[in-house]
Amino acid sequence: MATCEVCGNDYWMAFEVRTVSGDVHTFDSFECAAHKLAPICEHCQVKIIGHGVEVGGRFFCCAHCARAVESLGAEIRDAVGARPA
């Protein structure tokens, strides 16, 4: 069994998450993984669990929050359904 690094629960179905930087984390639930790893919106401070928006290296939960902070205004769009060219 493995121990969740957030809540300390020793659980037989714990899982590992490997990040791009090579870090390895052990969690017993997606809730604990999100609590530890999800970025926080720089405008409303909510945990970003969905697609979010990244503008200039800053993370926002949606285009609305990004537009409230960034000067790019109408150029900021949600990425849902968008595909890179």
PDB file of N, CA and C in Angstrom:
ATOM      1  N   MET A   1       0.844  -1.184   0.000  1.00  0.00           N
ATOM      2  CA  MET A   1       0.000   0.000   0.000  1.00  0.00           C
ATOM      3  C   MET A   1       0.887   1.244   0.000  1.00  0.00           C
ATOM      4  N   ALA A   2       0.298   2.342  -0.415  1.00  0.00           N
ATOM      5  CA  ALA A   2       1.039   3.596  -0.479  1.00  0.00           C
ATOM      6  C   ALA A   2       0.284   4.676   0.289  1.00  0.00           C
ATOM      7  N   THR A   3       1.021   5.649   0.778  1.00  0.00           N
ATOM      8  CA  THR A   3       0.445   6.714   1.593  1.00  0.00           C
ATOM      9  C   THR A   3       0.266   7.982   0.766  1.00  0.00           C
ATOM     10  N   CYS A   4      -0.924   8.572   0.832  1.00  0.00           N
ATOM     11  CA  CYS A   4      -1.215   9.831   0.140  1.00  0.00           C
ATOM     12  C   CYS A   4      -0.406  10.957   0.773  1.00  0.00           C
ATOM     13  N   GLU A   5       0.272  11.732  -0.056  1.00  0.00           N
ATOM     14  CA  GLU A   5       1.100  12.809   0.481  1.00  0.00           C
ATOM     15  C   GLU A   5       0.300  14.022   0.944  1.00  0.00           C
ATOM     16  N   VAL A   6      -0.991  14.076   0.639  1.00  0.00           N
ATOM     17  CA  VAL A   6      -1.824  15.193   1.089  1.00  0.00           C
ATOM     18  C   VAL A   6      -2.518  14.860   2.406  1.00  0.00           C
ATOM     19  N   CYS A   7      -3.246  13.740   2.444  1.00  0.00           N
ATOM     20  CA  CYS A   7      -4.066  13.429   3.628  1.00  0.00           C
ATOM     21  C   CYS A   7      -3.463  12.366   4.538  1.00  0.00           C
ATOM     22  N   GLY A   8      -2.427  11.670   4.057  1.00  0.00           N
ATOM     23  CA  GLY A   8      -1.782  10.654   4.878  1.00  0.00           C
ATOM     24  C   GLY A   8      -2.481   9.307   4.903  1.00  0.00           C
ATOM     25  N   ASN A   9      -3.547   9.155   4.121  1.00  0.00           N
ATOM     26  CA  ASN A   9      -4.280   7.901   4.075  1.00  0.00           C
ATOM     27  C   ASN A   9      -3.431   6.812   3.432  1.00  0.00           C
ATOM     28  N   ASP A  10      -3.360   5.646   4.069  1.00  0.00           N
ATOM     29  CA  ASP A  10      -2.646   4.497   3.522  1.00  0.00           C
ATOM     30  C   ASP A  10      -3.680   3.645   2.787  1.00  0.00           C
ATOM     31  N   TYR A  11      -3.614   3.655   1.446  1.00  0.00           N
ATOM     32  CA  TYR A  11      -4.705   3.101   0.639  1.00  0.00           C
ATOM     33  C   TYR A  11      -4.171   2.147  -0.410  1.00  0.00           C
ATOM     34  N   TRP A  12      -4.821   0.996  -0.553  1.00  0.00           N
ATOM     35  CA  TRP A  12      -4.350  -0.016  -1.504  1.00  0.00           C
ATOM     36  C   TRP A  12      -4.528   0.398  -2.957  1.00  0.00           C
ATOM     37  N   MET A  13      -5.389   1.403  -3.232  1.00  0.00           N
ATOM     38  CA  MET A  13      -5.582   1.855  -4.606  1.00  0.00           C
ATOM     39  C   MET A  13      -4.943   3.220  -4.862  1.00  0.00           C
ATOM     40  N   ALA A  14      -3.951   3.579  -4.065  1.00  0.00           N
ATOM     41  CA  ALA A  14      -3.239   4.846  -4.282  1.00  0.00           C
ATOM     42  C   ALA A  14      -2.575   4.810  -5.662  1.00  0.00           C
ATOM     43  N   PHE A  15      -2.329   5.985  -6.208  1.00  0.00           N
ATOM     44  CA  PHE A  15      -1.735   6.070  -7.542  1.00  0.00           C
ATOM     45  C   PHE A  15      -0.656   7.145  -7.565  1.00  0.00           C
ATOM     46  N   GLU A  16       0.200   7.074  -8.568  1.00  0.00           N
ATOM     47  CA  GLU A  16       1.271   8.055  -8.740  1.00  0.00           C
ATOM     48  C   GLU A  16       0.952   8.994  -9.893  1.00  0.00           C
ATOM     49  N   VAL A  17       1.361  10.231  -9.737  1.00  0.00           N
ATOM     50  CA  VAL A  17       1.286  11.224 -10.806  1.00  0.00           C
ATOM     51  C   VAL A  17       2.704  11.715 -11.047  1.00  0.00           C
ATOM     52  N   ARG A  18       3.131  11.650 -12.291  1.00  0.00           N
ATOM     53  CA  ARG A  18       4.463  12.132 -12.673  1.00  0.00           C
ATOM     54  C   ARG A  18       4.292  13.444 -13.429  1.00  0.00           C
ATOM     55  N   THR A  19       4.976  14.478 -12.979  1.00  0.00           N
ATOM     56  CA  THR A  19       4.853  15.791 -13.604  1.00  0.00           C
ATOM     57  C   THR A  19       5.873  15.957 -14.721  1.00  0.00           C
ATOM     58  N   VAL A  20       5.703  16.993 -15.506  1.00  0.00           N
ATOM     59  CA  VAL A  20       6.615  17.278 -16.612  1.00  0.00           C
ATOM     60  C   VAL A  20       8.039  17.483 -16.094  1.00  0.00           C
ATOM     61  N   SER A  21       8.176  18.036 -14.906  1.00  0.00           N
ATOM     62  CA  SER A  21       9.504  18.294 -14.340  1.00  0.00           C
ATOM     63  C   SER A  21      10.149  17.030 -13.781  1.00  0.00           C
ATOM     64  N   GLY A  22       9.410  15.906 -13.786  1.00  0.00           N
ATOM     65  CA  GLY A  22       9.969  14.649 -13.311  1.00  0.00           C
ATOM     66  C   GLY A  22       9.615  14.312 -11.869  1.00  0.00           C
ATOM     67  N   ASP A  23       8.907  15.188 -11.193  1.00  0.00           N
ATOM     68  CA  ASP A  23       8.490  14.898  -9.818  1.00  0.00           C
ATOM     69  C   ASP A  23       7.455  13.780  -9.824  1.00  0.00           C
ATOM     70  N   VAL A  24       7.470  12.961  -8.781  1.00  0.00           N
ATOM     71  CA  VAL A  24       6.500  11.875  -8.639  1.00  0.00           C
ATOM     72  C   VAL A  24       5.731  12.108  -7.339  1.00  0.00           C
ATOM     73  N   HIS A  25       4.399  12.097  -7.429  1.00  0.00           N
ATOM     74  CA  HIS A  25       3.538  12.314  -6.273  1.00  0.00           C
ATOM     75  C   HIS A  25       2.622  11.110  -6.103  1.00  0.00           C
ATOM     76  N   THR A  26       2.285  10.788  -4.852  1.00  0.00           N
ATOM     77  CA  THR A  26       1.390   9.677  -4.556  1.00  0.00           C
ATOM     78  C   THR A  26       0.128  10.211  -3.891  1.00  0.00           C
ATOM     79  N   PHE A  27      -1.031   9.805  -4.417  1.00  0.00           N
ATOM     80  CA  PHE A  27      -2.319  10.265  -3.905  1.00  0.00           C
ATOM     81  C   PHE A  27      -3.275   9.088  -3.751  1.00  0.00           C
ATOM     82  N   ASP A  28      -4.262   9.278  -2.884  1.00  0.00           N
ATOM     83  CA  ASP A  28      -5.290   8.253  -2.716  1.00  0.00           C
ATOM     84  C   ASP A  28      -6.587   8.627  -3.424  1.00  0.00           C
ATOM     85  N   SER A  29      -6.667   9.851  -3.960  1.00  0.00           N
ATOM     86  CA  SER A  29      -7.877  10.296  -4.645  1.00  0.00           C
ATOM     87  C   SER A  29      -7.538  11.431  -5.609  1.00  0.00           C
ATOM     88  N   PHE A  30      -8.428  11.635  -6.589  1.00  0.00           N
ATOM     89  CA  PHE A  30      -8.242  12.767  -7.492  1.00  0.00           C
ATOM     90  C   PHE A  30      -8.394  14.086  -6.737  1.00  0.00           C
ATOM     91  N   GLU A  31      -9.219  14.079  -5.699  1.00  0.00           N
ATOM     92  CA  GLU A  31      -9.398  15.281  -4.883  1.00  0.00           C
ATOM     93  C   GLU A  31      -8.071  15.729  -4.276  1.00  0.00           C
ATOM     94  N   CYS A  32      -7.324  14.806  -3.712  1.00  0.00           N
ATOM     95  CA  CYS A  32      -6.028  15.149  -3.123  1.00  0.00           C
ATOM     96  C   CYS A  32      -5.029  15.575  -4.204  1.00  0.00           C
ATOM     97  N   ALA A  33      -5.054  14.894  -5.358  1.00  0.00           N
ATOM     98  CA  ALA A  33      -4.158  15.271  -6.456  1.00  0.00           C
ATOM     99  C   ALA A  33      -4.451  16.688  -6.926  1.00  0.00           C
ATOM    100  N   ALA A  34      -5.724  17.026  -7.087  1.00  0.00           N
ATOM    101  CA  ALA A  34      -6.099  18.375  -7.520  1.00  0.00           C
ATOM    102  C   ALA A  34      -5.707  19.403  -6.466  1.00  0.00           C
ATOM    103  N   HIS A  35      -5.905  19.072  -5.212  1.00  0.00           N
ATOM    104  CA  HIS A  35      -5.555  19.994  -4.131  1.00  0.00           C
ATOM    105  C   HIS A  35      -4.068  20.350  -4.173  1.00  0.00           C
ATOM    106  N   LYS A  36      -3.244  19.361  -4.439  1.00  0.00           N
ATOM    107  CA  LYS A  36      -1.789  19.559  -4.444  1.00  0.00           C
ATOM    108  C   LYS A  36      -1.273  20.161  -5.754  1.00  0.00           C
ATOM    109  N   LEU A  37      -1.809  19.728  -6.902  1.00  0.00           N
ATOM    110  CA  LEU A  37      -1.184  20.044  -8.179  1.00  0.00           C
ATOM    111  C   LEU A  37      -1.887  21.088  -9.044  1.00  0.00           C
ATOM    112  N   ALA A  38      -3.175  21.311  -8.839  1.00  0.00           N
ATOM    113  CA  ALA A  38      -3.907  22.229  -9.720  1.00  0.00           C
ATOM    114  C   ALA A  38      -3.437  23.671  -9.533  1.00  0.00           C
ATOM    115  N   PRO A  39      -3.235  24.376 -10.649  1.00  0.00           N
ATOM    116  CA  PRO A  39      -2.876  25.795 -10.526  1.00  0.00           C
ATOM    117  C   PRO A  39      -4.065  26.590  -9.993  1.00  0.00           C
ATOM    118  N   ILE A  40      -3.804  27.798  -9.526  1.00  0.00           N
ATOM    119  CA  ILE A  40      -4.842  28.665  -8.967  1.00  0.00           C
ATOM    120  C   ILE A  40      -5.033  29.860  -9.894  1.00  0.00           C
ATOM    121  N   CYS A  41      -6.286  30.184 -10.192  1.00  0.00           N
ATOM    122  CA  CYS A  41      -6.608  31.328 -11.045  1.00  0.00           C
ATOM    123  C   CYS A  41      -6.068  32.611 -10.406  1.00  0.00           C
ATOM    124  N   GLU A  42      -5.345  33.387 -11.187  1.00  0.00           N
ATOM    125  CA  GLU A  42      -4.742  34.614 -10.662  1.00  0.00           C
ATOM    126  C   GLU A  42      -5.756  35.732 -10.454  1.00  0.00           C
ATOM    127  N   HIS A  43      -6.988  35.538 -10.932  1.00  0.00           N
ATOM    128  CA  HIS A  43      -8.012  36.564 -10.728  1.00  0.00           C
ATOM    129  C   HIS A  43      -8.953  36.206  -9.582  1.00  0.00           C
ATOM    130  N   CYS A  44      -9.587  35.025  -9.649  1.00  0.00           N
ATOM    131  CA  CYS A  44     -10.610  34.676  -8.646  1.00  0.00           C
ATOM    132  C   CYS A  44     -10.118  33.684  -7.593  1.00  0.00           C
ATOM    133  N   GLN A  45      -8.909  33.182  -7.752  1.00  0.00           N
ATOM    134  CA  GLN A  45      -8.267  32.286  -6.788  1.00  0.00           C
ATOM    135  C   GLN A  45      -8.873  30.881  -6.699  1.00  0.00           C
ATOM    136  N   VAL A  46      -9.681  30.470  -7.684  1.00  0.00           N
ATOM    137  CA  VAL A  46     -10.245  29.123  -7.687  1.00  0.00           C
ATOM    138  C   VAL A  46      -9.200  28.141  -8.237  1.00  0.00           C
ATOM    139  N   LYS A  47      -9.247  26.886  -7.776  1.00  0.00           N
ATOM    140  CA  LYS A  47      -8.372  25.847  -8.333  1.00  0.00           C
ATOM    141  C   LYS A  47      -8.816  25.566  -9.759  1.00  0.00           C
ATOM    142  N   ILE A  48      -7.878  25.491 -10.684  1.00  0.00           N
ATOM    143  CA  ILE A  48      -8.191  25.266 -12.093  1.00  0.00           C
ATOM    144  C   ILE A  48      -8.156  23.768 -12.358  1.00  0.00           C
ATOM    145  N   ILE A  49      -9.339  23.171 -12.443  1.00  0.00           N
ATOM    146  CA  ILE A  49      -9.451  21.734 -12.676  1.00  0.00           C
ATOM    147  C   ILE A  49      -9.700  21.450 -14.156  1.00  0.00           C
ATOM    148  N   GLY A  50     -10.332  22.374 -14.852  1.00  0.00           N
ATOM    149  CA  GLY A  50     -10.638  22.207 -16.268  1.00  0.00           C
ATOM    150  C   GLY A  50      -9.507  22.682 -17.157  1.00  0.00           C
ATOM    151  N   HIS A  51      -9.856  23.107 -18.357  1.00  0.00           N
ATOM    152  CA  HIS A  51      -8.867  23.501 -19.357  1.00  0.00           C
ATOM    153  C   HIS A  51      -8.141  24.780 -18.996  1.00  0.00           C
ATOM    154  N   GLY A  52      -8.824  25.757 -18.416  1.00  0.00           N
ATOM    155  CA  GLY A  52      -8.192  27.012 -18.043  1.00  0.00           C
ATOM    156  C   GLY A  52      -7.658  27.796 -19.229  1.00  0.00           C
ATOM    157  N   VAL A  53      -7.034  28.909 -18.936  1.00  0.00           N
ATOM    158  CA  VAL A  53      -6.451  29.784 -19.951  1.00  0.00           C
ATOM    159  C   VAL A  53      -5.087  30.225 -19.443  1.00  0.00           C
ATOM    160  N   GLU A  54      -4.071  30.140 -20.288  1.00  0.00           N
ATOM    161  CA  GLU A  54      -2.746  30.626 -19.931  1.00  0.00           C
ATOM    162  C   GLU A  54      -2.431  31.825 -20.810  1.00  0.00           C
ATOM    163  N   VAL A  55      -2.087  32.935 -20.187  1.00  0.00           N
ATOM    164  CA  VAL A  55      -1.733  34.153 -20.911  1.00  0.00           C
ATOM    165  C   VAL A  55      -0.428  34.674 -20.327  1.00  0.00           C
ATOM    166  N   GLY A  56       0.587  34.711 -21.154  1.00  0.00           N
ATOM    167  CA  GLY A  56       1.875  35.238 -20.703  1.00  0.00           C
ATOM    168  C   GLY A  56       2.439  34.510 -19.501  1.00  0.00           C
ATOM    169  N   GLY A  57       2.223  33.196 -19.435  1.00  0.00           N
ATOM    170  CA  GLY A  57       2.753  32.416 -18.322  1.00  0.00           C
ATOM    171  C   GLY A  57       1.923  32.511 -17.053  1.00  0.00           C
ATOM    172  N   ARG A  58       0.782  33.173 -17.116  1.00  0.00           N
ATOM    173  CA  ARG A  58      -0.120  33.291 -15.973  1.00  0.00           C
ATOM    174  C   ARG A  58      -1.348  32.436 -16.238  1.00  0.00           C
ATOM    175  N   PHE A  59      -1.889  31.800 -15.197  1.00  0.00           N
ATOM    176  CA  PHE A  59      -3.006  30.873 -15.352  1.00  0.00           C
ATOM    177  C   PHE A  59      -4.299  31.470 -14.817  1.00  0.00           C
ATOM    178  N   PHE A  60      -5.368  31.252 -15.578  1.00  0.00           N
ATOM    179  CA  PHE A  60      -6.700  31.725 -15.214  1.00  0.00           C
ATOM    180  C   PHE A  60      -7.685  30.589 -15.436  1.00  0.00           C
ATOM    181  N   CYS A  61      -8.795  30.589 -14.697  1.00  0.00           N
ATOM    182  CA  CYS A  61      -9.778  29.514 -14.834  1.00  0.00           C
ATOM    183  C   CYS A  61     -10.588  29.660 -16.114  1.00  0.00           C
ATOM    184  N   CYS A  62     -10.698  30.872 -16.672  1.00  0.00           N
ATOM    185  CA  CYS A  62     -11.487  31.095 -17.882  1.00  0.00           C
ATOM    186  C   CYS A  62     -11.037  32.392 -18.561  1.00  0.00           C
ATOM    187  N   ALA A  63     -11.506  32.594 -19.779  1.00  0.00           N
ATOM    188  CA  ALA A  63     -11.152  33.804 -20.523  1.00  0.00           C
ATOM    189  C   ALA A  63     -11.680  35.054 -19.824  1.00  0.00           C
ATOM    190  N   HIS A  64     -12.829  34.957 -19.190  1.00  0.00           N
ATOM    191  CA  HIS A  64     -13.396  36.106 -18.476  1.00  0.00           C
ATOM    192  C   HIS A  64     -12.421  36.618 -17.412  1.00  0.00           C
ATOM    193  N   CYS A  65     -11.878  35.710 -16.601  1.00  0.00           N
ATOM    194  CA  CYS A  65     -10.919  36.115 -15.571  1.00  0.00           C
ATOM    195  C   CYS A  65      -9.624  36.648 -16.193  1.00  0.00           C
ATOM    196  N   ALA A  66      -9.181  36.027 -17.275  1.00  0.00           N
ATOM    197  CA  ALA A  66      -7.964  36.494 -17.938  1.00  0.00           C
ATOM    198  C   ALA A  66      -8.151  37.901 -18.479  1.00  0.00           C
ATOM    199  N   ARG A  67      -9.308  38.169 -19.085  1.00  0.00           N
ATOM    200  CA  ARG A  67      -9.576  39.507 -19.619  1.00  0.00           C
ATOM    201  C   ARG A  67      -9.667  40.551 -18.516  1.00  0.00           C
ATOM    202  N   ALA A  68     -10.076  40.146 -17.320  1.00  0.00           N
ATOM    203  CA  ALA A  68     -10.194  41.087 -16.208  1.00  0.00           C
ATOM    204  C   ALA A  68      -8.826  41.556 -15.720  1.00  0.00           C
ATOM    205  N   VAL A  69      -7.788  40.783 -16.003  1.00  0.00           N
ATOM    206  CA  VAL A  69      -6.453  41.093 -15.498  1.00  0.00           C
ATOM    207  C   VAL A  69      -5.486  41.504 -16.610  1.00  0.00           C
ATOM    208  N   GLU A  70      -5.541  40.829 -17.732  1.00  0.00           N
ATOM    209  CA  GLU A  70      -4.586  41.050 -18.817  1.00  0.00           C
ATOM    210  C   GLU A  70      -5.040  42.165 -19.756  1.00  0.00           C
ATOM    211  N   SER A  71      -4.093  42.807 -20.396  1.00  0.00           N
ATOM    212  CA  SER A  71      -4.400  43.931 -21.291  1.00  0.00           C
ATOM    213  C   SER A  71      -4.732  43.493 -22.719  1.00  0.00           C
ATOM    214  N   LEU A  72      -4.668  42.214 -23.022  1.00  0.00           N
ATOM    215  CA  LEU A  72      -4.944  41.736 -24.377  1.00  0.00           C
ATOM    216  C   LEU A  72      -6.426  41.795 -24.726  1.00  0.00           C
ATOM    217  N   GLY A  73      -7.272  41.915 -23.724  1.00  0.00           N
ATOM    218  CA  GLY A  73      -8.700  42.107 -23.925  1.00  0.00           C
ATOM    219  C   GLY A  73      -9.372  41.055 -24.767  1.00  0.00           C
ATOM    220  N   ALA A  74      -9.992  41.479 -25.863  1.00  0.00           N
ATOM    221  CA  ALA A  74     -10.813  40.607 -26.712  1.00  0.00           C
ATOM    222  C   ALA A  74     -10.003  39.503 -27.383  1.00  0.00           C
ATOM    223  N   GLU A  75      -8.688  39.615 -27.417  1.00  0.00           N
ATOM    224  CA  GLU A  75      -7.861  38.581 -28.042  1.00  0.00           C
ATOM    225  C   GLU A  75      -7.858  37.282 -27.237  1.00  0.00           C
ATOM    226  N   ILE A  76      -8.189  37.352 -25.954  1.00  0.00           N
ATOM    227  CA  ILE A  76      -8.155  36.173 -25.094  1.00  0.00           C
ATOM    228  C   ILE A  76      -9.431  35.367 -25.304  1.00  0.00           C
ATOM    229  N   ARG A  77      -9.258  34.088 -25.633  1.00  0.00           N
ATOM    230  CA  ARG A  77     -10.380  33.199 -25.889  1.00  0.00           C
ATOM    231  C   ARG A  77     -10.184  31.912 -25.096  1.00  0.00           C
ATOM    232  N   ASP A  78     -11.297  31.290 -24.715  1.00  0.00           N
ATOM    233  CA  ASP A  78     -11.212  29.961 -24.106  1.00  0.00           C
ATOM    234  C   ASP A  78     -10.727  28.982 -25.167  1.00  0.00           C
ATOM    235  N   ALA A  79     -10.024  27.937 -24.735  1.00  0.00           N
ATOM    236  CA  ALA A  79      -9.433  26.983 -25.667  1.00  0.00           C
ATOM    237  C   ALA A  79     -10.344  25.817 -26.013  1.00  0.00           C
ATOM    238  N   VAL A  80     -11.503  25.714 -25.406  1.00  0.00           N
ATOM    239  CA  VAL A  80     -12.392  24.586 -25.661  1.00  0.00           C
ATOM    240  C   VAL A  80     -12.773  24.557 -27.137  1.00  0.00           C
ATOM    241  N   GLY A  81     -12.531  23.441 -27.773  1.00  0.00           N
ATOM    242  CA  GLY A  81     -12.884  23.281 -29.182  1.00  0.00           C
ATOM    243  C   GLY A  81     -11.858  23.849 -30.133  1.00  0.00           C
ATOM    244  N   ALA A  82     -10.909  24.611 -29.637  1.00  0.00           N
ATOM    245  CA  ALA A  82      -9.891  25.212 -30.511  1.00  0.00           C
ATOM    246  C   ALA A  82      -8.778  24.197 -30.763  1.00  0.00           C
ATOM    247  N   ARG A  83      -8.267  24.225 -31.980  1.00  0.00           N
ATOM    248  CA  ARG A  83      -7.136  23.360 -32.316  1.00  0.00           C
ATOM    249  C   ARG A  83      -6.012  24.226 -32.861  1.00  0.00           C
ATOM    250  N   PRO A  84      -4.762  23.875 -32.499  1.00  0.00           N
ATOM    251  CA  PRO A  84      -3.637  24.641 -33.034  1.00  0.00           C
ATOM    252  C   PRO A  84      -3.573  24.515 -34.562  1.00  0.00           C
ATOM    253  N   ALA A  85      -3.122  25.540 -35.198  1.00  0.00           N
ATOM    254  CA  ALA A  85      -3.017  25.541 -36.664  1.00  0.00           C
ATOM    255  C   ALA A  85      -1.891  24.665 -37.157  1.00  0.00           C
TER     256      ALA A  85
END
